[in-house]
C-alpha atoms as a PDB file:
ATOM      1  CA  MET A   1       0.150  -0.098   0.259  1.00  0.00           C
ATOM      2  CA  LYS A   2       1.102   3.638  -0.877  1.00  0.00           C
ATOM      3  CA  LYS A   3       1.644   5.703   2.003  1.00  0.00           C
ATOM      4  CA  ASN A   4      -0.367   8.729   2.265  1.00  0.00           C
ATOM      5  CA  GLY A   5       1.121  12.163   1.769  1.00  0.00           C
ATOM      6  CA  LEU A   6      -0.591  15.523   2.355  1.00  0.00           C
ATOM      7  CA  LEU A   7       0.853  18.950   0.900  1.00  0.00           C
ATOM      8  CA  LEU A   8      -0.390  22.048   2.673  1.00  0.00           C
ATOM      9  CA  VAL A   9      -0.142  24.901   0.586  1.00  0.00           C
ATOM     10  CA  ASN A  10      -0.079  28.784   1.564  1.00  0.00           C
ATOM     11  CA  LEU A  11       0.563  31.918  -0.349  1.00  0.00           C
ATOM     12  CA  GLY A  12       4.156  32.548   0.306  1.00  0.00           C
ATOM     13  CA  SER A  13       6.451  35.246   1.584  1.00  0.00           C
ATOM     14  CA  PRO A  14       9.527  37.314   0.758  1.00  0.00           C
ATOM     15  CA  SER A  15      12.639  35.383   1.935  1.00  0.00           C
ATOM     16  CA  ALA A  16      13.748  38.072   3.752  1.00  0.00           C
ATOM     17  CA  PRO A  17      12.332  41.623   5.136  1.00  0.00           C
ATOM     18  CA  THR A  18      14.672  43.430   2.350  1.00  0.00           C
ATOM     19  CA  THR A  19      13.708  45.665  -0.714  1.00  0.00           C
ATOM     20  CA  ALA A  20      15.565  43.049  -3.006  1.00  0.00           C
ATOM     21  CA  ALA A  21      13.874  40.184  -1.660  1.00  0.00           C
ATOM     22  CA  VAL A  22      10.369  41.859  -1.473  1.00  0.00           C
ATOM     23  CA  LYS A  23      10.895  42.758  -5.173  1.00  0.00           C
ATOM     24  CA  HIS A  24      11.692  39.657  -6.188  1.00  0.00           C
ATOM     25  CA  TYR A  25       8.513  38.085  -4.543  1.00  0.00           C
ATOM     26  CA  LEU A  26       6.306  41.022  -5.692  1.00  0.00           C
ATOM     27  CA  SER A  27       7.538  40.054  -9.364  1.00  0.00           C
ATOM     28  CA  VAL A  28       6.708  36.606  -9.103  1.00  0.00           C
ATOM     29  CA  PHE A  29       3.338  37.112  -7.601  1.00  0.00           C
ATOM     30  CA  LEU A  30       2.267  40.378  -9.116  1.00  0.00           C
ATOM     31  CA  GLY A  31       3.509  38.324 -12.450  1.00  0.00           C
ATOM     32  CA  ASP A  32       1.039  35.598 -12.149  1.00  0.00           C
ATOM     33  CA  ARG A  33      -1.662  35.893 -14.779  1.00  0.00           C
ATOM     34  CA  ASN A  34      -4.000  34.442 -12.178  1.00  0.00           C
ATOM     35  CA  VAL A  35      -3.820  37.436 -10.073  1.00  0.00           C
ATOM     36  CA  VAL A  36      -3.529  40.125 -12.581  1.00  0.00           C
ATOM     37  CA  THR A  37      -5.264  39.300 -15.674  1.00  0.00           C
ATOM     38  CA  MET A  38      -4.134  42.388 -17.495  1.00  0.00           C
ATOM     39  CA  PRO A  39      -2.447  41.241 -21.042  1.00  0.00           C
ATOM     40  CA  PRO A  40       1.154  40.986 -20.051  1.00  0.00           C
ATOM     41  CA  ALA A  41       2.266  43.479 -22.701  1.00  0.00           C
ATOM     42  CA  LEU A  42       0.233  46.045 -21.294  1.00  0.00           C
ATOM     43  CA  TRP A  43       1.075  44.902 -17.417  1.00  0.00           C
ATOM     44  CA  GLN A  44       4.565  44.078 -17.569  1.00  0.00           C
ATOM     45  CA  PRO A  45       5.833  47.748 -18.273  1.00  0.00           C
ATOM     46  CA  LEU A  46       3.780  49.062 -15.362  1.00  0.00           C
ATOM     47  CA  LEU A  47       5.110  46.356 -13.101  1.00  0.00           C
ATOM     48  CA  LYS A  48       8.529  46.438 -13.804  1.00  0.00           C
ATOM     49  CA  GLY A  49       8.779  50.573 -14.649  1.00  0.00           C
ATOM     50  CA  ILE A  50       6.676  51.692 -11.947  1.00  0.00           C
ATOM     51  CA  ILE A  51       4.982  49.280  -9.173  1.00  0.00           C
ATOM     52  CA  LEU A  52       7.997  47.094  -8.157  1.00  0.00           C
ATOM     53  CA  PRO A  53      10.300  50.310  -7.959  1.00  0.00           C
ATOM     54  CA  MET A  54       7.750  52.028  -5.985  1.00  0.00           C
ATOM     55  CA  ARG A  55       5.892  49.495  -4.107  1.00  0.00           C
ATOM     56  CA  SER A  56       9.264  47.015  -3.019  1.00  0.00           C
ATOM     57  CA  TRP A  57      10.842  49.310  -0.784  1.00  0.00           C
ATOM     58  CA  ARG A  58       7.829  50.581   1.113  1.00  0.00           C
ATOM     59  CA  SER A  59       6.331  46.995   1.561  1.00  0.00           C
ATOM     60  CA  ALA A  60      10.130  45.875   2.761  1.00  0.00           C
ATOM     61  CA  THR A  61       9.424  48.322   5.715  1.00  0.00           C
ATOM     62  CA  PHE A  62       6.037  46.892   6.695  1.00  0.00           C
ATOM     63  CA  TYR A  63       7.584  43.169   6.718  1.00  0.00           C
ATOM     64  CA  ARG A  64      10.603  44.353   8.813  1.00  0.00           C
ATOM     65  CA  ASP A  65       7.756  45.626  11.574  1.00  0.00           C
ATOM     66  CA  ILE A  66       6.176  41.952  11.366  1.00  0.00           C
ATOM     67  CA  TRP A  67       8.950  39.739  11.076  1.00  0.00           C
ATOM     68  CA  MET A  68       9.526  37.255  13.441  1.00  0.00           C
ATOM     69  CA  LYS A  69      12.607  35.682  14.826  1.00  0.00           C
ATOM     70  CA  GLU A  70      12.133  32.413  12.846  1.00  0.00           C
ATOM     71  CA  GLY A  71      11.047  34.238   9.625  1.00  0.00           C
ATOM     72  CA  SER A  72       7.997  35.590   7.768  1.00  0.00           C
ATOM     73  CA  PRO A  73       4.705  35.098   9.878  1.00  0.00           C
ATOM     74  CA  LEU A  74       2.796  33.255   7.363  1.00  0.00           C
ATOM     75  CA  VAL A  75       5.672  30.903   6.789  1.00  0.00           C
ATOM     76  CA  VAL A  76       6.460  30.183  10.315  1.00  0.00           C
ATOM     77  CA  TYR A  77       2.972  29.620  11.464  1.00  0.00           C
ATOM     78  CA  THR A  78       2.130  27.159   8.415  1.00  0.00           C
ATOM     79  CA  ALA A  79       5.430  25.358   9.223  1.00  0.00           C
ATOM     80  CA  ARG A  80       4.064  25.205  13.085  1.00  0.00           C
ATOM     81  CA  LEU A  81       0.493  24.084  11.862  1.00  0.00           C
ATOM     82  CA  THR A  82       2.322  21.389   9.502  1.00  0.00           C
ATOM     83  CA  LYS A  83       4.142  19.824  12.289  1.00  0.00           C
ATOM     84  CA  GLN A  84       0.930  19.705  14.491  1.00  0.00           C
ATOM     85  CA  VAL A  85      -0.792  18.183  11.431  1.00  0.00           C
ATOM     86  CA  GLN A  86       2.124  15.700  10.996  1.00  0.00           C
ATOM     87  CA  ASP A  87       1.793  14.366  14.928  1.00  0.00           C
ATOM     88  CA  LEU A  88      -2.010  14.196  14.507  1.00  0.00           C
ATOM     89  CA  LEU A  89      -1.377  12.154  11.445  1.00  0.00           C
ATOM     90  CA  PRO A  90       1.687   9.850  12.107  1.00  0.00           C
ATOM     91  CA  ASP A  91       1.336   7.270   9.428  1.00  0.00           C
ATOM     92  CA  TRP A  92       1.256   9.917   6.574  1.00  0.00           C
ATOM     93  CA  ASP A  93       4.118  12.171   5.528  1.00  0.00           C
ATOM     94  CA  VAL A  94       2.988  15.953   5.913  1.00  0.00           C
ATOM     95  CA  ARG A  95       4.578  18.743   4.278  1.00  0.00           C
ATOM     96  CA  MET A  96       3.858  22.347   3.289  1.00  0.00           C
ATOM     97  CA  ALA A  97       4.537  24.470   0.289  1.00  0.00           C
ATOM     98  CA  MET A  98       3.935  28.029  -1.079  1.00  0.00           C
ATOM     99  CA  THR A  99       2.393  29.117  -4.116  1.00  0.00           C
ATOM    100  CA  TYR A 100       5.067  31.673  -4.487  1.00  0.00           C
ATOM    101  CA  GLU A 101       9.017  31.414  -3.173  1.00  0.00           C
ATOM    102  CA  GLN A 102       9.977  28.405  -1.135  1.00  0.00           C
ATOM    103  CA  PRO A 103       9.340  25.563  -0.413  1.00  0.00           C
ATOM    104  CA  SER A 104       7.833  25.281  -3.937  1.00  0.00           C
ATOM    105  CA  ILE A 105       5.061  23.222  -4.900  1.00  0.00           C
ATOM    106  CA  LYS A 106       6.899  21.811  -7.718  1.00  0.00           C
ATOM    107  CA  GLU A 107      10.059  20.531  -5.836  1.00  0.00           C
ATOM    108  CA  THR A 108       8.255  19.392  -2.708  1.00  0.00           C
ATOM    109  CA  LEU A 109       5.647  17.154  -4.700  1.00  0.00           C
ATOM    110  CA  THR A 110       8.113  15.658  -6.839  1.00  0.00           C
ATOM    111  CA  ALA A 111       9.949  14.573  -3.762  1.00  0.00           C
ATOM    112  CA  MET A 112       6.973  13.144  -2.034  1.00  0.00           C
ATOM    113  CA  GLN A 113       6.161  11.231  -5.241  1.00  0.00           C
ATOM    114  CA  GLU A 114       9.449   9.866  -5.729  1.00  0.00           C
ATOM    115  CA  THR A 115       9.082   8.239  -2.475  1.00  0.00           C
ATOM    116  CA  GLY A 116       5.971   6.580  -3.721  1.00  0.00           C
ATOM    117  CA  GLU A 117       3.585   8.442  -1.752  1.00  0.00           C
ATOM    118  CA  GLN A 118      -0.110   9.079  -2.724  1.00  0.00           C
ATOM    119  CA  VAL A 119      -0.473  12.546  -2.076  1.00  0.00           C
ATOM    120  CA  THR A 120      -3.225  14.877  -1.583  1.00  0.00           C
ATOM    121  CA  VAL A 121      -2.831  18.714  -1.886  1.00  0.00           C
ATOM    122  CA  LEU A 122      -4.597  20.983   0.552  1.00  0.00           C
ATOM    123  CA  ALA A 123      -4.922  24.716  -0.283  1.00  0.00           C
ATOM    124  CA  LEU A 124      -5.022  26.938   3.146  1.00  0.00           C
ATOM    125  CA  PHE A 125      -7.407  29.281   1.679  1.00  0.00           C
ATOM    126  CA  PRO A 126     -11.264  28.673   2.849  1.00  0.00           C
ATOM    127  CA  HIS A 127     -12.778  30.106  -0.461  1.00  0.00           C
ATOM    128  CA  PHE A 128     -12.295  29.237  -3.902  1.00  0.00           C
ATOM    129  CA  THR A 129     -10.796  32.002  -6.415  1.00  0.00           C
ATOM    130  CA  GLN A 130      -8.825  32.526  -9.146  1.00  0.00           C
ATOM    131  CA  SER A 131      -6.410  34.939  -7.856  1.00  0.00           C
ATOM    132  CA  THR A 132      -5.391  32.477  -5.176  1.00  0.00           C
ATOM    133  CA  THR A 133      -6.332  28.712  -5.459  1.00  0.00           C
ATOM    134  CA  GLN A 134      -6.372  28.437  -9.148  1.00  0.00           C
ATOM    135  CA  SER A 135      -2.554  29.480  -8.846  1.00  0.00           C
ATOM    136  CA  ILE A 136      -2.151  26.279  -6.777  1.00  0.00           C
ATOM    137  CA  ILE A 137      -4.175  23.894  -8.988  1.00  0.00           C
ATOM    138  CA  ASP A 138      -2.257  25.017 -12.142  1.00  0.00           C
ATOM    139  CA  GLN A 139       1.205  24.408 -10.392  1.00  0.00           C
ATOM    140  CA  VAL A 140       0.043  21.018  -9.032  1.00  0.00           C
ATOM    141  CA  ARG A 141      -1.513  20.116 -12.332  1.00  0.00           C
ATOM    142  CA  ALA A 142       1.973  20.647 -14.114  1.00  0.00           C
ATOM    143  CA  VAL A 143       3.279  17.986 -11.849  1.00  0.00           C
ATOM    144  CA  ASP A 144       0.692  15.440 -12.078  1.00  0.00           C
ATOM    145  CA  PRO A 145      -2.691  16.209 -13.096  1.00  0.00           C
ATOM    146  CA  THR A 146      -4.255  13.130 -11.060  1.00  0.00           C
ATOM    147  CA  ILE A 147      -3.000  14.556  -7.729  1.00  0.00           C
ATOM    148  CA  PRO A 148      -6.161  15.335  -5.671  1.00  0.00           C
ATOM    149  CA  ILE A 149      -6.691  18.983  -4.450  1.00  0.00           C
ATOM    150  CA  ILE A 150      -8.717  20.119  -1.504  1.00  0.00           C
ATOM    151  CA  ASP A 151      -9.457  23.455  -2.999  1.00  0.00           C
ATOM    152  CA  ARG A 152     -11.685  25.029  -0.442  1.00  0.00           C
ATOM    153  CA  PHE A 153     -13.213  24.230   3.088  1.00  0.00           C
ATOM    154  CA  ALA A 154     -15.402  27.164   3.968  1.00  0.00           C
ATOM    155  CA  ASP A 155     -18.759  25.321   3.988  1.00  0.00           C
ATOM    156  CA  GLU A 156     -17.056  22.529   6.397  1.00  0.00           C
ATOM    157  CA  PRO A 157     -19.404  22.427   9.550  1.00  0.00           C
ATOM    158  CA  GLU A 158     -16.309  21.971  11.755  1.00  0.00           C
ATOM    159  CA  TYR A 159     -14.483  24.890  10.365  1.00  0.00           C
ATOM    160  CA  LEU A 160     -17.586  27.061  10.553  1.00  0.00           C
ATOM    161  CA  GLN A 161     -17.900  26.261  14.357  1.00  0.00           C
ATOM    162  CA  LEU A 162     -14.297  26.749  14.908  1.00  0.00           C
ATOM    163  CA  LEU A 163     -14.586  30.430  13.197  1.00  0.00           C
ATOM    164  CA  ALA A 164     -17.556  30.965  15.314  1.00  0.00           C
ATOM    165  CA  ASN A 165     -15.958  29.755  18.390  1.00  0.00           C
ATOM    166  CA  GLN A 166     -13.166  32.255  17.765  1.00  0.00           C
ATOM    167  CA  ILE A 167     -15.172  35.298  17.156  1.00  0.00           C
ATOM    168  CA  GLN A 168     -17.528  34.683  19.933  1.00  0.00           C
ATOM    169  CA  ALA A 169     -14.701  34.469  22.534  1.00  0.00           C
ATOM    170  CA  ALA A 170     -13.121  37.502  21.008  1.00  0.00           C
ATOM    171  CA  TRP A 171     -16.775  39.377  20.946  1.00  0.00           C
ATOM    172  CA  GLN A 172     -17.294  38.479  24.778  1.00  0.00           C
ATOM    173  CA  LYS A 173     -14.105  40.284  26.046  1.00  0.00           C
ATOM    174  CA  LYS A 174     -15.501  43.879  25.627  1.00  0.00           C
ATOM    175  CA  LYS A 175     -18.681  45.501  24.703  1.00  0.00           C
ATOM    176  CA  TYR A 176     -18.126  46.144  20.944  1.00  0.00           C
ATOM    177  CA  ASP A 177     -20.775  48.191  18.593  1.00  0.00           C
ATOM    178  CA  ARG A 178     -20.069  46.186  15.611  1.00  0.00           C
ATOM    179  CA  LEU A 179     -18.333  42.875  14.134  1.00  0.00           C
ATOM    180  CA  LEU A 180     -17.065  43.481  10.745  1.00  0.00           C
ATOM    181  CA  ILE A 181     -16.382  40.160   8.815  1.00  0.00           C
ATOM    182  CA  THR A 182     -13.798  41.196   6.227  1.00  0.00           C
ATOM    183  CA  TYR A 183     -12.381  39.069   3.450  1.00  0.00           C
ATOM    184  CA  HIS A 184      -9.661  39.657   1.065  1.00  0.00           C
ATOM    185  CA  GLY A 185     -11.145  41.400  -1.818  1.00  0.00           C
ATOM    186  CA  ILE A 186     -10.800  40.455  -5.581  1.00  0.00           C
ATOM    187  CA  PRO A 187     -11.563  42.486  -8.985  1.00  0.00           C
ATOM    188  CA  THR A 188     -15.165  42.507  -9.676  1.00  0.00           C
ATOM    189  CA  ALA A 189     -14.070  41.426 -13.288  1.00  0.00           C
ATOM    190  CA  MET A 190     -13.289  38.129 -11.801  1.00  0.00           C
ATOM    191  CA  VAL A 191     -16.690  37.436 -10.590  1.00  0.00           C
ATOM    192  CA  LYS A 192     -18.410  38.615 -13.680  1.00  0.00           C
ATOM    193  CA  HIS A 193     -16.368  35.743 -15.552  1.00  0.00           C
ATOM    194  CA  GLY A 194     -17.792  33.228 -12.982  1.00  0.00           C
ATOM    195  CA  ASP A 195     -15.437  33.456 -10.016  1.00  0.00           C
ATOM    196  CA  PRO A 196     -17.389  31.889  -7.121  1.00  0.00           C
ATOM    197  CA  TYR A 197     -15.902  33.757  -4.324  1.00  0.00           C
ATOM    198  CA  GLN A 198     -18.211  36.434  -3.691  1.00  0.00           C
ATOM    199  CA  GLU A 199     -20.895  33.966  -3.408  1.00  0.00           C
ATOM    200  CA  GLU A 200     -18.736  31.493  -0.634  1.00  0.00           C
ATOM    201  CA  THR A 201     -17.817  34.540   1.348  1.00  0.00           C
ATOM    202  CA  GLU A 202     -21.349  35.869   1.534  1.00  0.00           C
ATOM    203  CA  ARG A 203     -22.648  32.289   2.312  1.00  0.00           C
ATOM    204  CA  THR A 204     -19.955  32.115   5.004  1.00  0.00           C
ATOM    205  CA  THR A 205     -21.115  35.210   6.556  1.00  0.00           C
ATOM    206  CA  ALA A 206     -24.588  34.132   6.423  1.00  0.00           C
ATOM    207  CA  ARG A 207     -23.852  30.801   8.170  1.00  0.00           C
ATOM    208  CA  LEU A 208     -21.851  33.047  10.820  1.00  0.00           C
ATOM    209  CA  ARG A 209     -24.793  35.286  11.436  1.00  0.00           C
ATOM    210  CA  GLN A 210     -26.606  31.719  12.519  1.00  0.00           C
ATOM    211  CA  LEU A 211     -23.936  30.495  14.679  1.00  0.00           C
ATOM    212  CA  LEU A 212     -23.032  33.609  16.436  1.00  0.00           C
ATOM    213  CA  ASP A 213     -24.676  34.971  19.569  1.00  0.00           C
ATOM    214  CA  ILE A 214     -24.526  38.503  18.470  1.00  0.00           C
ATOM    215  CA  PRO A 215     -27.423  40.539  17.078  1.00  0.00           C
ATOM    216  CA  ALA A 216     -27.619  40.459  13.222  1.00  0.00           C
ATOM    217  CA  ASN A 217     -27.642  44.321  12.894  1.00  0.00           C
ATOM    218  CA  GLN A 218     -24.447  44.361  14.560  1.00  0.00           C
ATOM    219  CA  ILE A 219     -22.906  42.085  11.996  1.00  0.00           C
ATOM    220  CA  LYS A 220     -21.395  43.602   8.613  1.00  0.00           C
ATOM    221  CA  GLN A 221     -19.366  42.395   5.573  1.00  0.00           C
ATOM    222  CA  ALA A 222     -16.518  44.256   3.942  1.00  0.00           C
ATOM    223  CA  TYR A 223     -13.411  43.491   1.592  1.00  0.00           C
ATOM    224  CA  GLN A 224      -9.932  44.770   1.931  1.00  0.00           C
ATOM    225  CA  SER A 225      -6.633  44.684   0.625  1.00  0.00           C
ATOM    226  CA  LYS A 226      -8.098  46.475  -2.619  1.00  0.00           C
ATOM    227  CA  PHE A 227      -4.857  46.860  -5.181  1.00  0.00           C
ATOM    228  CA  GLY A 228      -4.731  48.862  -8.451  1.00  0.00           C
ATOM    229  CA  PRO A 229      -7.380  51.234 -10.255  1.00  0.00           C
ATOM    230  CA  MET A 230      -9.814  48.879 -11.154  1.00  0.00           C
ATOM    231  CA  PRO A 231     -13.101  48.109  -9.214  1.00  0.00           C
ATOM    232  CA  TRP A 232     -13.134  45.325  -6.547  1.00  0.00           C
ATOM    233  CA  LEU A 233     -15.677  43.713  -4.522  1.00  0.00           C
ATOM    234  CA  LYS A 234     -17.357  46.431  -2.257  1.00  0.00           C
ATOM    235  CA  PRO A 235     -17.796  47.462   0.566  1.00  0.00           C
ATOM    236  CA  TYR A 236     -14.271  48.281   0.787  1.00  0.00           C
ATOM    237  CA  LEU A 237     -13.223  47.851   4.494  1.00  0.00           C
ATOM    238  CA  ARG A 238     -11.240  51.082   4.795  1.00  0.00           C
ATOM    239  CA  ASN A 239     -14.251  53.129   3.683  1.00  0.00           C
ATOM    240  CA  THR A 240     -16.620  51.162   6.078  1.00  0.00           C
ATOM    241  CA  LEU A 241     -14.369  52.031   8.658  1.00  0.00           C
ATOM    242  CA  MET A 242     -14.549  55.678   8.180  1.00  0.00           C
ATOM    243  CA  GLN A 243     -18.268  55.405   7.979  1.00  0.00           C
ATOM    244  CA  GLU A 244     -18.751  53.321  11.214  1.00  0.00           C
ATOM    245  CA  ALA A 245     -16.736  55.813  13.225  1.00  0.00           C
ATOM    246  CA  GLN A 246     -18.869  58.724  11.600  1.00  0.00           C
ATOM    247  CA  LEU A 247     -21.837  57.148  12.898  1.00  0.00           C
ATOM    248  CA  GLY A 248     -20.539  56.953  16.261  1.00  0.00           C
ATOM    249  CA  ASN A 249     -19.639  53.020  16.271  1.00  0.00           C
ATOM    250  CA  ARG A 250     -16.319  53.768  17.695  1.00  0.00           C
ATOM    251  CA  LYS A 251     -15.630  50.193  19.398  1.00  0.00           C
ATOM    252  CA  LEU A 252     -15.367  47.693  16.646  1.00  0.00           C
ATOM    253  CA  LEU A 253     -14.250  43.848  16.094  1.00  0.00           C
ATOM    254  CA  LEU A 254     -12.665  42.678  13.006  1.00  0.00           C
ATOM    255  CA  ALA A 255     -12.881  39.145  11.772  1.00  0.00           C
ATOM    256  CA  VAL A 256     -10.875  37.907   8.745  1.00  0.00           C
ATOM    257  CA  PRO A 257     -11.672  34.655   7.566  1.00  0.00           C
ATOM    258  CA  SER A 258      -9.694  34.726   4.380  1.00  0.00           C
ATOM    259  CA  PHE A 259      -6.380  34.389   6.537  1.00  0.00           C
ATOM    260  CA  VAL A 260      -5.882  31.480   8.384  1.00  0.00           C
ATOM    261  CA  ALA A 261      -2.572  32.502   9.544  1.00  0.00           C
ATOM    262  CA  ASP A 262      -1.326  35.825  10.227  1.00  0.00           C
ATOM    263  CA  CYS A 263       0.599  38.184   7.636  1.00  0.00           C
ATOM    264  CA  LEU A 264       0.833  41.424   6.394  1.00  0.00           C
ATOM    265  CA  GLU A 265      -2.780  41.644   5.590  1.00  0.00           C
ATOM    266  CA  THR A 266      -3.630  41.156   9.017  1.00  0.00           C
ATOM    267  CA  LEU A 267      -0.718  42.619  11.351  1.00  0.00           C
ATOM    268  CA  GLU A 268       0.187  45.507   9.239  1.00  0.00           C
ATOM    269  CA  GLU A 269      -2.721  46.490   6.993  1.00  0.00           C
ATOM    270  CA  ASP A 270      -5.093  45.830   9.484  1.00  0.00           C
ATOM    271  CA  GLY A 271      -3.387  46.015  12.935  1.00  0.00           C
ATOM    272  CA  VAL A 272      -1.552  49.432  11.985  1.00  0.00           C
ATOM    273  CA  GLN A 273      -2.864  51.088   8.665  1.00  0.00           C
ATOM    274  CA  ASN A 274      -6.497  50.543   9.194  1.00  0.00           C
ATOM    275  CA  TYR A 275      -6.650  51.084  12.721  1.00  0.00           C
ATOM    276  CA  GLN A 276      -4.777  54.525  12.227  1.00  0.00           C
ATOM    277  CA  VAL A 277      -7.802  55.017   9.450  1.00  0.00           C
ATOM    278  CA  PHE A 278     -10.287  54.326  12.024  1.00  0.00           C
ATOM    279  CA  ARG A 279      -8.851  56.238  14.740  1.00  0.00           C
ATOM    280  CA  SER A 280      -8.233  59.221  12.592  1.00  0.00           C
ATOM    281  CA  SER A 281     -12.070  59.298  11.839  1.00  0.00           C
ATOM    282  CA  GLY A 282     -13.222  59.180  15.159  1.00  0.00           C
ATOM    283  CA  GLY A 283     -12.856  55.521  16.160  1.00  0.00           C
ATOM    284  CA  GLN A 284     -11.383  54.244  19.427  1.00  0.00           C
ATOM    285  CA  GLU A 285     -11.098  50.688  19.391  1.00  0.00           C
ATOM    286  CA  LEU A 286     -10.409  48.332  16.555  1.00  0.00           C
ATOM    287  CA  ASP A 287      -9.530  44.741  17.468  1.00  0.00           C
ATOM    288  CA  LEU A 288      -8.726  41.958  15.602  1.00  0.00           C
ATOM    289  CA  VAL A 289     -10.005  38.175  16.191  1.00  0.00           C
ATOM    290  CA  PRO A 290      -6.876  36.428  16.585  1.00  0.00           C
ATOM    291  CA  ALA A 291      -6.040  34.216  13.282  1.00  0.00           C
ATOM    292  CA  PHE A 292      -5.978  30.501  13.621  1.00  0.00           C
ATOM    293  CA  ASN A 293      -2.374  30.089  13.212  1.00  0.00           C
ATOM    294  CA  ASP A 294      -0.953  27.115  15.052  1.00  0.00           C
ATOM    295  CA  GLN A 295      -4.120  26.473  17.352  1.00  0.00           C
ATOM    296  CA  PRO A 296      -4.497  22.640  17.859  1.00  0.00           C
ATOM    297  CA  ALA A 297      -7.959  22.868  17.239  1.00  0.00           C
ATOM    298  CA  PHE A 298      -7.129  24.451  13.593  1.00  0.00           C
ATOM    299  CA  ALA A 299      -4.694  21.636  13.115  1.00  0.00           C
ATOM    300  CA  ARG A 300      -7.109  18.912  14.256  1.00  0.00           C
ATOM    301  CA  PHE A 301      -9.816  19.977  11.677  1.00  0.00           C
ATOM    302  CA  ILE A 302      -7.065  19.947   8.969  1.00  0.00           C
ATOM    303  CA  ALA A 303      -6.123  16.747   9.873  1.00  0.00           C
ATOM    304  CA  HIS A 304      -9.550  15.444   9.805  1.00  0.00           C
ATOM    305  CA  LEU A 305     -10.327  17.412   6.467  1.00  0.00           C
ATOM    306  CA  ALA A 306      -7.452  15.387   4.996  1.00  0.00           C
ATOM    307  CA  GLN A 307      -8.582  11.910   6.265  1.00  0.00           C
ATOM    308  CA  LYS A 308     -12.151  12.653   5.180  1.00  0.00           C
ATOM    309  CA  ARG A 309     -11.394  14.083   1.822  1.00  0.00           C
ATOM    310  CA  GLY A 310      -7.891  12.574   1.112  1.00  0.00           C
ATOM    311  CA  PRO A 311      -7.112   9.037  -0.048  1.00  0.00           C
ATOM    312  CA  LYS A 312      -7.374   6.243   2.251  1.00  0.00           C
ATOM    313  CA  ALA A 313      -4.242   4.455   3.129  1.00  0.00           C
END
């Protein structure tokens, strides 16, 4: 019998919080046709001539602010999660890879297959979208089109209950005026071309409304991390924060289901930049529901999901 293998895949991170490393990472990430669908003949001159020179040094300063002793938070927490899942599945070979940078999907999958493993790939994104999950699928298929891929898990009851428990525990610590459930945005053009992401995120919010002991009129959904001039899914989180402060809702709790591990978007964008926007608009407190990171309960869910939807040894 072949040994089961499980490959957990997250987005990736620069190898170091330096301008050069960030520039290399952004060139690969923003050069992905699944991320930016503009024709390369138009996009590449903009990317290389304007965006990379302007954005790389600034992003590097943000990465330096959040960098951990062991490295990038996203990579560190994914590695810790991988170890916990490995401990829960002692008869499996559990490894991690990143869509961009190291460890790469191709090299890790190839090494696992060379040992004769029956590998399942699990994308660490609760919802499917072209700009994240499709790139994982494309890279996996380039290695072996028969490898099964768990490409989303937001509708799993165990995940939803874990998420609700996490939010409820944070909500009960203070008296908040509003819960904002924010997801990473995507261009509206992707949705118009059939991307299911908006429908899936709205379904998650609707399910959370049922599971949470929070009045429905105190829960709102938004989208964050807009990039570029094209319209993205609305409402934009930054605008929503300003509006809430103006309405007198000065104590907000922010839940970020798109991110299972802390990263630049949670630690810097939400924890610093969006906090400053909210405060400058008259808000008082903007607290984040902790990401799952390496929580044992989340590791158990991932192990259960692999056993349920992956191959049986």
